[in-house]
C-alpha atoms as a PDB file:
ATOM      1  CA  UNK A   1      -0.656  -8.508 -26.580  1.00  0.00           C
ATOM      2  CA  UNK A   2      -2.521  -6.668 -23.807  1.00  0.00           C
ATOM      3  CA  UNK A   3      -1.835  -8.051 -20.349  1.00  0.00           C
ATOM      4  CA  UNK A   4      -4.302  -8.064 -17.467  1.00  0.00           C
ATOM      5  CA  UNK A   5      -3.597  -7.594 -13.783  1.00  0.00           C
ATOM      6  CA  UNK A   6      -2.539 -10.699 -11.882  1.00  0.00           C
ATOM      7  CA  UNK A   7      -5.368 -12.249  -9.856  1.00  0.00           C
ATOM      8  CA  UNK A   8      -3.406 -14.294  -7.311  1.00  0.00           C
ATOM      9  CA  UNK A   9      -0.359 -13.998  -5.069  1.00  0.00           C
ATOM     10  CA  UNK A  10       1.983 -16.607  -3.616  1.00  0.00           C
ATOM     11  CA  UNK A  11       2.345 -15.573   0.011  1.00  0.00           C
ATOM     12  CA  UNK A  12       4.782 -17.874   1.806  1.00  0.00           C
ATOM     13  CA  UNK A  13       3.594 -20.852  -0.238  1.00  0.00           C
ATOM     14  CA  UNK A  14      -0.103 -20.071   0.062  1.00  0.00           C
ATOM     15  CA  UNK A  15      -1.917 -19.009  -3.106  1.00  0.00           C
ATOM     16  CA  UNK A  16      -4.142 -16.056  -2.274  1.00  0.00           C
ATOM     17  CA  UNK A  17      -6.998 -15.463  -4.707  1.00  0.00           C
ATOM     18  CA  UNK A  18      -7.606 -11.884  -5.857  1.00  0.00           C
ATOM     19  CA  UNK A  19     -10.654 -12.522  -8.028  1.00  0.00           C
ATOM     20  CA  UNK A  20     -12.537 -10.670  -5.313  1.00  0.00           C
ATOM     21  CA  UNK A  21     -10.459  -7.619  -4.358  1.00  0.00           C
ATOM     22  CA  UNK A  22      -8.742  -7.721  -0.969  1.00  0.00           C
ATOM     23  CA  UNK A  23      -8.639  -5.067   1.719  1.00  0.00           C
ATOM     24  CA  UNK A  24      -5.409  -4.140   3.489  1.00  0.00           C
ATOM     25  CA  UNK A  25      -5.814  -2.452   6.867  1.00  0.00           C
ATOM     26  CA  UNK A  26      -3.361   0.247   7.949  1.00  0.00           C
ATOM     27  CA  UNK A  27      -1.707   0.009  11.355  1.00  0.00           C
ATOM     28  CA  UNK A  28       0.741   2.824  12.080  1.00  0.00           C
ATOM     29  CA  UNK A  29       3.218   2.393  14.931  1.00  0.00           C
ATOM     30  CA  UNK A  30       4.388   5.972  14.569  1.00  0.00           C
ATOM     31  CA  UNK A  31       2.922   9.114  16.082  1.00  0.00           C
ATOM     32  CA  UNK A  32       3.706  11.129  12.935  1.00  0.00           C
ATOM     33  CA  UNK A  33       1.131   9.611  10.558  1.00  0.00           C
ATOM     34  CA  UNK A  34      -1.343  12.093   9.061  1.00  0.00           C
ATOM     35  CA  UNK A  35      -4.503  10.350  10.342  1.00  0.00           C
ATOM     36  CA  UNK A  36      -4.413  10.182  14.124  1.00  0.00           C
ATOM     37  CA  UNK A  37      -6.925   7.330  14.425  1.00  0.00           C
ATOM     38  CA  UNK A  38      -4.486   4.978  12.682  1.00  0.00           C
ATOM     39  CA  UNK A  39      -1.738   5.534  15.273  1.00  0.00           C
ATOM     40  CA  UNK A  40      -1.091   2.847  17.878  1.00  0.00           C
ATOM     41  CA  UNK A  41       1.867   2.283  20.175  1.00  0.00           C
ATOM     42  CA  UNK A  42       0.917   0.143  23.191  1.00  0.00           C
ATOM     43  CA  UNK A  43       0.652  -3.635  22.944  1.00  0.00           C
ATOM     44  CA  UNK A  44      -3.050  -3.554  23.850  1.00  0.00           C
ATOM     45  CA  UNK A  45      -3.776  -0.919  21.214  1.00  0.00           C
ATOM     46  CA  UNK A  46      -1.865  -2.853  18.551  1.00  0.00           C
ATOM     47  CA  UNK A  47      -3.766  -6.057  19.326  1.00  0.00           C
ATOM     48  CA  UNK A  48      -7.091  -4.276  19.607  1.00  0.00           C
ATOM     49  CA  UNK A  49      -6.807  -2.410  16.328  1.00  0.00           C
ATOM     50  CA  UNK A  50      -5.548  -5.463  14.419  1.00  0.00           C
ATOM     51  CA  UNK A  51      -8.319  -7.628  15.891  1.00  0.00           C
ATOM     52  CA  UNK A  52     -10.958  -5.120  14.848  1.00  0.00           C
ATOM     53  CA  UNK A  53      -9.617  -4.908  11.293  1.00  0.00           C
ATOM     54  CA  UNK A  54      -9.427  -8.686  10.956  1.00  0.00           C
ATOM     55  CA  UNK A  55     -12.977  -9.090  12.262  1.00  0.00           C
ATOM     56  CA  UNK A  56     -14.140  -6.477   9.757  1.00  0.00           C
ATOM     57  CA  UNK A  57     -12.634  -8.453   6.893  1.00  0.00           C
ATOM     58  CA  UNK A  58      -9.063  -7.262   6.375  1.00  0.00           C
ATOM     59  CA  UNK A  59      -7.040  -9.865   4.480  1.00  0.00           C
ATOM     60  CA  UNK A  60      -3.746  -8.106   5.227  1.00  0.00           C
ATOM     61  CA  UNK A  61      -2.475  -5.824   7.996  1.00  0.00           C
ATOM     62  CA  UNK A  62       0.033  -3.212   6.818  1.00  0.00           C
ATOM     63  CA  UNK A  63       2.418  -2.041   9.561  1.00  0.00           C
ATOM     64  CA  UNK A  64       4.190   1.275   9.142  1.00  0.00           C
ATOM     65  CA  UNK A  65       6.919   2.632  11.406  1.00  0.00           C
ATOM     66  CA  UNK A  66       7.929   5.659   9.346  1.00  0.00           C
ATOM     67  CA  UNK A  67       5.423   8.306   8.352  1.00  0.00           C
ATOM     68  CA  UNK A  68       5.460   9.084   4.630  1.00  0.00           C
ATOM     69  CA  UNK A  69       3.057  12.022   4.754  1.00  0.00           C
ATOM     70  CA  UNK A  70       4.338  15.132   2.943  1.00  0.00           C
ATOM     71  CA  UNK A  71       7.028  16.779   5.052  1.00  0.00           C
ATOM     72  CA  UNK A  72       7.253  13.889   7.515  1.00  0.00           C
ATOM     73  CA  UNK A  73      10.116  13.975   9.976  1.00  0.00           C
ATOM     74  CA  UNK A  74      13.118  11.727   9.367  1.00  0.00           C
ATOM     75  CA  UNK A  75      13.749   8.882  11.814  1.00  0.00           C
ATOM     76  CA  UNK A  76      16.713   6.517  11.823  1.00  0.00           C
ATOM     77  CA  UNK A  77      16.666   2.866  10.832  1.00  0.00           C
ATOM     78  CA  UNK A  78      16.941   1.578  14.387  1.00  0.00           C
ATOM     79  CA  UNK A  79      13.931   3.567  15.581  1.00  0.00           C
ATOM     80  CA  UNK A  80      11.814   2.439  12.630  1.00  0.00           C
ATOM     81  CA  UNK A  81      12.975  -1.153  12.934  1.00  0.00           C
ATOM     82  CA  UNK A  82      12.351  -1.356  16.688  1.00  0.00           C
ATOM     83  CA  UNK A  83       8.732  -0.219  16.429  1.00  0.00           C
ATOM     84  CA  UNK A  84       7.952  -2.400  13.411  1.00  0.00           C
ATOM     85  CA  UNK A  85       9.553  -5.552  14.803  1.00  0.00           C
ATOM     86  CA  UNK A  86       7.846  -5.118  18.171  1.00  0.00           C
ATOM     87  CA  UNK A  87       4.466  -4.925  16.434  1.00  0.00           C
ATOM     88  CA  UNK A  88       5.316  -7.952  14.292  1.00  0.00           C
ATOM     89  CA  UNK A  89       6.188 -10.013  17.359  1.00  0.00           C
ATOM     90  CA  UNK A  90       2.943  -9.035  19.059  1.00  0.00           C
ATOM     91  CA  UNK A  91       0.725  -9.749  16.056  1.00  0.00           C
ATOM     92  CA  UNK A  92       2.286 -13.009  14.887  1.00  0.00           C
ATOM     93  CA  UNK A  93       1.987 -14.367  18.444  1.00  0.00           C
ATOM     94  CA  UNK A  94      -1.588 -13.150  18.939  1.00  0.00           C
ATOM     95  CA  UNK A  95      -2.896 -14.035  15.468  1.00  0.00           C
ATOM     96  CA  UNK A  96      -1.167 -17.151  14.061  1.00  0.00           C
ATOM     97  CA  UNK A  97      -1.393 -17.221  10.265  1.00  0.00           C
ATOM     98  CA  UNK A  98      -1.967 -13.476   9.924  1.00  0.00           C
ATOM     99  CA  UNK A  99      -0.709 -11.917   6.678  1.00  0.00           C
ATOM    100  CA  UNK A 100       1.355  -8.853   7.514  1.00  0.00           C
ATOM    101  CA  UNK A 101       2.778  -6.298   5.122  1.00  0.00           C
ATOM    102  CA  UNK A 102       5.479  -3.901   6.278  1.00  0.00           C
ATOM    103  CA  UNK A 103       5.519  -0.393   4.873  1.00  0.00           C
ATOM    104  CA  UNK A 104       9.182   0.576   4.538  1.00  0.00           C
ATOM    105  CA  UNK A 105      11.574   1.908   1.912  1.00  0.00           C
ATOM    106  CA  UNK A 106      14.657   0.627   3.770  1.00  0.00           C
ATOM    107  CA  UNK A 107      16.053  -2.751   2.782  1.00  0.00           C
ATOM    108  CA  UNK A 108      17.492  -3.453   6.227  1.00  0.00           C
ATOM    109  CA  UNK A 109      14.102  -2.934   7.851  1.00  0.00           C
ATOM    110  CA  UNK A 110      12.511  -5.114   5.153  1.00  0.00           C
ATOM    111  CA  UNK A 111      15.014  -7.908   5.735  1.00  0.00           C
ATOM    112  CA  UNK A 112      14.492  -7.888   9.500  1.00  0.00           C
ATOM    113  CA  UNK A 113      10.716  -7.690   9.089  1.00  0.00           C
ATOM    114  CA  UNK A 114      10.583 -10.818   6.928  1.00  0.00           C
ATOM    115  CA  UNK A 115      12.702 -12.639   9.495  1.00  0.00           C
ATOM    116  CA  UNK A 116      10.131 -11.655  12.134  1.00  0.00           C
ATOM    117  CA  UNK A 117       7.181 -12.887  10.096  1.00  0.00           C
ATOM    118  CA  UNK A 118       6.242 -10.218   7.548  1.00  0.00           C
ATOM    119  CA  UNK A 119       4.799 -11.706   4.354  1.00  0.00           C
ATOM    120  CA  UNK A 120       4.795  -8.643   2.057  1.00  0.00           C
ATOM    121  CA  UNK A 121       7.020  -5.583   1.699  1.00  0.00           C
ATOM    122  CA  UNK A 122       5.304  -2.309   0.788  1.00  0.00           C
ATOM    123  CA  UNK A 123       7.885   0.163  -0.554  1.00  0.00           C
ATOM    124  CA  UNK A 124       6.494   3.642  -1.205  1.00  0.00           C
ATOM    125  CA  UNK A 125       9.720   4.637  -2.968  1.00  0.00           C
ATOM    126  CA  UNK A 126       9.634   1.762  -5.442  1.00  0.00           C
ATOM    127  CA  UNK A 127      13.299   1.063  -4.797  1.00  0.00           C
ATOM    128  CA  UNK A 128      14.484   4.595  -5.545  1.00  0.00           C
ATOM    129  CA  UNK A 129      15.642   5.473  -2.022  1.00  0.00           C
ATOM    130  CA  UNK A 130      17.428   2.229  -1.162  1.00  0.00           C
ATOM    131  CA  UNK A 131      19.137   0.557  -4.109  1.00  0.00           C
ATOM    132  CA  UNK A 132      19.438  -2.706  -2.158  1.00  0.00           C
ATOM    133  CA  UNK A 133      15.670  -3.157  -1.830  1.00  0.00           C
ATOM    134  CA  UNK A 134      15.107  -5.160  -5.026  1.00  0.00           C
ATOM    135  CA  UNK A 135      17.780  -7.722  -4.183  1.00  0.00           C
ATOM    136  CA  UNK A 136      16.524  -7.936  -0.601  1.00  0.00           C
ATOM    137  CA  UNK A 137      12.891  -8.700  -1.445  1.00  0.00           C
ATOM    138  CA  UNK A 138      13.916 -11.103  -4.199  1.00  0.00           C
ATOM    139  CA  UNK A 139      16.096 -13.017  -1.753  1.00  0.00           C
ATOM    140  CA  UNK A 140      13.293 -13.002   0.822  1.00  0.00           C
ATOM    141  CA  UNK A 141      10.863 -14.367  -1.814  1.00  0.00           C
ATOM    142  CA  UNK A 142       7.910 -12.327  -0.620  1.00  0.00           C
ATOM    143  CA  UNK A 143       5.460 -10.239  -2.672  1.00  0.00           C
ATOM    144  CA  UNK A 144       6.590  -6.655  -3.200  1.00  0.00           C
ATOM    145  CA  UNK A 145       4.404  -3.577  -3.500  1.00  0.00           C
ATOM    146  CA  UNK A 146       6.111  -1.371  -6.052  1.00  0.00           C
ATOM    147  CA  UNK A 147       4.812   2.156  -5.694  1.00  0.00           C
ATOM    148  CA  UNK A 148       5.592   5.167  -7.834  1.00  0.00           C
ATOM    149  CA  UNK A 149       7.060   8.161  -6.056  1.00  0.00           C
ATOM    150  CA  UNK A 150       9.535  10.902  -6.837  1.00  0.00           C
ATOM    151  CA  UNK A 151      12.036  12.208  -4.335  1.00  0.00           C
ATOM    152  CA  UNK A 152      11.405  11.550  -0.653  1.00  0.00           C
ATOM    153  CA  UNK A 153       8.469  12.305   1.662  1.00  0.00           C
ATOM    154  CA  UNK A 154      10.155  15.583   2.556  1.00  0.00           C
ATOM    155  CA  UNK A 155      10.486  16.710  -1.098  1.00  0.00           C
ATOM    156  CA  UNK A 156       7.851  14.893  -3.160  1.00  0.00           C
ATOM    157  CA  UNK A 157       5.224  17.648  -3.095  1.00  0.00           C
ATOM    158  CA  UNK A 158       7.514  19.798  -5.254  1.00  0.00           C
ATOM    159  CA  UNK A 159       8.052  17.101  -7.896  1.00  0.00           C
ATOM    160  CA  UNK A 160       4.687  17.023  -9.661  1.00  0.00           C
ATOM    161  CA  UNK A 161       5.729  18.069 -13.185  1.00  0.00           C
ATOM    162  CA  UNK A 162       5.275  15.324 -15.820  1.00  0.00           C
ATOM    163  CA  UNK A 163       5.489  15.244 -19.607  1.00  0.00           C
ATOM    164  CA  UNK A 164       2.576  12.780 -19.688  1.00  0.00           C
ATOM    165  CA  UNK A 165       1.402  11.659 -16.257  1.00  0.00           C
ATOM    166  CA  UNK A 166       0.206   8.122 -16.922  1.00  0.00           C
ATOM    167  CA  UNK A 167       2.772   7.253 -19.581  1.00  0.00           C
ATOM    168  CA  UNK A 168       5.625   8.577 -17.431  1.00  0.00           C
ATOM    169  CA  UNK A 169       4.482   6.519 -14.446  1.00  0.00           C
ATOM    170  CA  UNK A 170       3.882   3.382 -16.516  1.00  0.00           C
ATOM    171  CA  UNK A 171       7.341   3.614 -18.066  1.00  0.00           C
ATOM    172  CA  UNK A 172       8.929   4.093 -14.659  1.00  0.00           C
ATOM    173  CA  UNK A 173       7.106   1.114 -13.183  1.00  0.00           C
ATOM    174  CA  UNK A 174       7.741  -1.068 -16.232  1.00  0.00           C
ATOM    175  CA  UNK A 175      11.498  -0.525 -16.049  1.00  0.00           C
ATOM    176  CA  UNK A 176      11.471  -1.463 -12.364  1.00  0.00           C
ATOM    177  CA  UNK A 177       9.324  -4.531 -12.988  1.00  0.00           C
ATOM    178  CA  UNK A 178      11.853  -5.655 -15.591  1.00  0.00           C
ATOM    179  CA  UNK A 179      14.669  -5.215 -13.051  1.00  0.00           C
ATOM    180  CA  UNK A 180      12.739  -7.154 -10.412  1.00  0.00           C
ATOM    181  CA  UNK A 181      12.080  -9.981 -12.877  1.00  0.00           C
ATOM    182  CA  UNK A 182      15.818 -10.236 -13.502  1.00  0.00           C
ATOM    183  CA  UNK A 183      16.251 -10.710  -9.761  1.00  0.00           C
ATOM    184  CA  UNK A 184      13.685 -13.518  -9.986  1.00  0.00           C
ATOM    185  CA  UNK A 185      10.808 -11.879  -8.117  1.00  0.00           C
ATOM    186  CA  UNK A 186       7.491 -13.379  -9.219  1.00  0.00           C
ATOM    187  CA  UNK A 187       4.837 -11.537  -7.217  1.00  0.00           C
ATOM    188  CA  UNK A 188       4.764  -7.778  -7.803  1.00  0.00           C
ATOM    189  CA  UNK A 189       1.913  -5.459  -6.829  1.00  0.00           C
ATOM    190  CA  UNK A 190       1.884  -2.047  -8.493  1.00  0.00           C
ATOM    191  CA  UNK A 191       0.631   1.114  -6.835  1.00  0.00           C
ATOM    192  CA  UNK A 192       0.524   4.356  -8.881  1.00  0.00           C
ATOM    193  CA  UNK A 193       1.199   6.317  -5.707  1.00  0.00           C
ATOM    194  CA  UNK A 194      -1.792   8.571  -5.187  1.00  0.00           C
ATOM    195  CA  UNK A 195      -0.612  11.748  -3.484  1.00  0.00           C
ATOM    196  CA  UNK A 196       3.070  10.904  -3.797  1.00  0.00           C
ATOM    197  CA  UNK A 197       4.513  13.552  -6.121  1.00  0.00           C
ATOM    198  CA  UNK A 198       1.027  14.062  -7.568  1.00  0.00           C
ATOM    199  CA  UNK A 199      -1.387  16.917  -7.007  1.00  0.00           C
ATOM    200  CA  UNK A 200      -5.158  16.541  -6.698  1.00  0.00           C
ATOM    201  CA  UNK A 201      -5.871  16.921 -10.415  1.00  0.00           C
ATOM    202  CA  UNK A 202      -3.245  14.280 -11.191  1.00  0.00           C
ATOM    203  CA  UNK A 203      -4.727  11.926  -8.581  1.00  0.00           C
ATOM    204  CA  UNK A 204      -8.134  12.206 -10.221  1.00  0.00           C
ATOM    205  CA  UNK A 205      -6.605  11.513 -13.627  1.00  0.00           C
ATOM    206  CA  UNK A 206      -4.933   8.405 -12.211  1.00  0.00           C
ATOM    207  CA  UNK A 207      -8.271   7.161 -10.878  1.00  0.00           C
ATOM    208  CA  UNK A 208      -9.942   7.731 -14.265  1.00  0.00           C
ATOM    209  CA  UNK A 209      -7.154   5.848 -16.022  1.00  0.00           C
ATOM    210  CA  UNK A 210      -6.275   3.233 -13.415  1.00  0.00           C
ATOM    211  CA  UNK A 211      -7.363   0.430 -15.749  1.00  0.00           C
ATOM    212  CA  UNK A 212      -4.385   1.263 -17.970  1.00  0.00           C
ATOM    213  CA  UNK A 213      -2.055  -0.047 -15.256  1.00  0.00           C
ATOM    214  CA  UNK A 214      -3.260  -3.571 -15.959  1.00  0.00           C
ATOM    215  CA  UNK A 215      -0.980  -3.530 -18.991  1.00  0.00           C
ATOM    216  CA  UNK A 216       1.888  -4.110 -16.549  1.00  0.00           C
ATOM    217  CA  UNK A 217       0.574  -7.618 -15.844  1.00  0.00           C
ATOM    218  CA  UNK A 218       0.697  -7.150 -12.073  1.00  0.00           C
ATOM    219  CA  UNK A 219      -1.834  -6.879  -9.272  1.00  0.00           C
ATOM    220  CA  UNK A 220      -2.996  -3.256  -8.944  1.00  0.00           C
ATOM    221  CA  UNK A 221      -3.336  -1.615  -5.516  1.00  0.00           C
ATOM    222  CA  UNK A 222      -5.090   1.657  -4.747  1.00  0.00           C
ATOM    223  CA  UNK A 223      -4.144   3.643  -1.666  1.00  0.00           C
ATOM    224  CA  UNK A 224      -6.616   6.523  -1.465  1.00  0.00           C
ATOM    225  CA  UNK A 225      -7.713   6.362   2.146  1.00  0.00           C
ATOM    226  CA  UNK A 226      -8.441   9.782   3.709  1.00  0.00           C
ATOM    227  CA  UNK A 227      -5.817  11.493   1.553  1.00  0.00           C
ATOM    228  CA  UNK A 228      -5.589  15.247   1.145  1.00  0.00           C
ATOM    229  CA  UNK A 229      -7.056  15.086  -2.359  1.00  0.00           C
ATOM    230  CA  UNK A 230     -10.352  14.204  -0.691  1.00  0.00           C
ATOM    231  CA  UNK A 231     -10.183  16.735   2.123  1.00  0.00           C
ATOM    232  CA  UNK A 232      -8.978  19.596  -0.084  1.00  0.00           C
ATOM    233  CA  UNK A 233     -11.603  18.964  -2.750  1.00  0.00           C
ATOM    234  CA  UNK A 234     -14.455  18.732  -0.254  1.00  0.00           C
ATOM    235  CA  UNK A 235     -13.197  21.360   2.185  1.00  0.00           C
ATOM    236  CA  UNK A 236     -13.076  18.934   5.103  1.00  0.00           C
ATOM    237  CA  UNK A 237     -10.500  17.318   7.383  1.00  0.00           C
ATOM    238  CA  UNK A 238      -8.987  13.829   7.139  1.00  0.00           C
ATOM    239  CA  UNK A 239     -11.206  12.862  10.075  1.00  0.00           C
ATOM    240  CA  UNK A 240     -14.252  13.627   7.917  1.00  0.00           C
ATOM    241  CA  UNK A 241     -13.022  11.915   4.749  1.00  0.00           C
ATOM    242  CA  UNK A 242     -14.474   8.408   5.111  1.00  0.00           C
ATOM    243  CA  UNK A 243     -17.350   8.965   2.699  1.00  0.00           C
ATOM    244  CA  UNK A 244     -15.028  10.472   0.097  1.00  0.00           C
ATOM    245  CA  UNK A 245     -12.642   7.565   0.564  1.00  0.00           C
ATOM    246  CA  UNK A 246     -15.425   5.063  -0.094  1.00  0.00           C
ATOM    247  CA  UNK A 247     -16.452   6.867  -3.272  1.00  0.00           C
ATOM    248  CA  UNK A 248     -12.905   6.877  -4.638  1.00  0.00           C
ATOM    249  CA  UNK A 249     -12.293   3.267  -3.576  1.00  0.00           C
ATOM    250  CA  UNK A 250     -15.392   2.230  -5.518  1.00  0.00           C
ATOM    251  CA  UNK A 251     -14.173   4.084  -8.599  1.00  0.00           C
ATOM    252  CA  UNK A 252     -10.795   2.358  -8.219  1.00  0.00           C
ATOM    253  CA  UNK A 253     -12.528  -1.027  -8.089  1.00  0.00           C
ATOM    254  CA  UNK A 254     -14.378  -0.179 -11.293  1.00  0.00           C
ATOM    255  CA  UNK A 255     -11.020   0.582 -12.888  1.00  0.00           C
ATOM    256  CA  UNK A 256      -9.490  -2.769 -11.964  1.00  0.00           C
ATOM    257  CA  UNK A 257      -7.921  -2.370  -8.522  1.00  0.00           C
ATOM    258  CA  UNK A 258      -7.509  -5.759  -6.829  1.00  0.00           C
ATOM    259  CA  UNK A 259      -6.341  -4.420  -3.473  1.00  0.00           C
ATOM    260  CA  UNK A 260      -7.453  -1.451  -1.377  1.00  0.00           C
ATOM    261  CA  UNK A 261      -5.167  -0.064   1.344  1.00  0.00           C
ATOM    262  CA  UNK A 262      -7.364   1.662   3.918  1.00  0.00           C
ATOM    263  CA  UNK A 263      -7.735   3.029   7.432  1.00  0.00           C
ATOM    264  CA  UNK A 264     -11.402   1.981   7.613  1.00  0.00           C
ATOM    265  CA  UNK A 265     -11.686  -1.707   6.835  1.00  0.00           C
ATOM    266  CA  UNK A 266     -15.431  -2.190   7.360  1.00  0.00           C
ATOM    267  CA  UNK A 267     -16.389   0.503   4.848  1.00  0.00           C
ATOM    268  CA  UNK A 268     -13.921  -0.827   2.256  1.00  0.00           C
ATOM    269  CA  UNK A 269     -15.090  -4.425   2.645  1.00  0.00           C
ATOM    270  CA  UNK A 270     -18.686  -3.283   2.203  1.00  0.00           C
ATOM    271  CA  UNK A 271     -17.684  -1.362  -0.923  1.00  0.00           C
ATOM    272  CA  UNK A 272     -16.061  -4.496  -2.357  1.00  0.00           C
ATOM    273  CA  UNK A 273     -19.140  -6.615  -1.549  1.00  0.00           C
ATOM    274  CA  UNK A 274     -21.554  -4.176  -3.167  1.00  0.00           C
ATOM    275  CA  UNK A 275     -19.321  -3.630  -6.203  1.00  0.00           C
ATOM    276  CA  UNK A 276     -19.008  -7.409  -6.606  1.00  0.00           C
ATOM    277  CA  UNK A 277     -22.784  -7.857  -6.293  1.00  0.00           C
ATOM    278  CA  UNK A 278     -23.393  -5.352  -9.062  1.00  0.00           C
ATOM    279  CA  UNK A 279     -20.904  -7.195 -11.246  1.00  0.00           C
ATOM    280  CA  UNK A 280     -22.584 -10.532 -10.552  1.00  0.00           C
ATOM    281  CA  UNK A 281     -26.104  -9.300 -11.233  1.00  0.00           C
END
């Protein structure tokens, strides 16, 4: 029997409806992220950027303390944890009730983040880098973003050979979903990992076939914002890639994405509203 993507999440006891797709705003507390406008470090900048994204309609703020761009430098757990936890303390104090996701592939950082108020863990490695991650998020009882990636940020660009792109990724994610279910985790969000061990042609294939990921029975997230697939195809920089991002986000919505992870919240929220209006007409 064909499954469809899950249209709600239990976030710390609150049922969040995904019938209308949600927008997740990116807040990077690292100076190594590929898009410089997403980088913040001071308390005022963290508050200001989060406030802007929330006012523009972000349902979730995704904090990252470790850059996962291709070839990103390695930082230790304590450095990542310190920057992430500081941002969490600032945001949970300034914005009571805010839903915060933490972008980390380290279980120790995930555990500390939940203790400091994070409501979702976003693991770009899908549990492949830290074997303790599945048990950690299951124990924390928070939704988990399970992304597909091969290798590590430093090596993934060389690992783009697949027998059958979509089938290989679906099988990989399905096996991990089964493992997470054994741990008792109920709320899993799947992300095919655009740009992570995929080249531009493969990213476009994933967009065309994104609806097939609904067979996993989980919420589907698309993270396409300002990625190199856009800039390389159009011959522009990441700074110029907002229009391309909006186009690809709209295509992802048409293919069943229920969450968009973006740098530019206003544009994504407008895309969701217009896409929804077309569907309602």
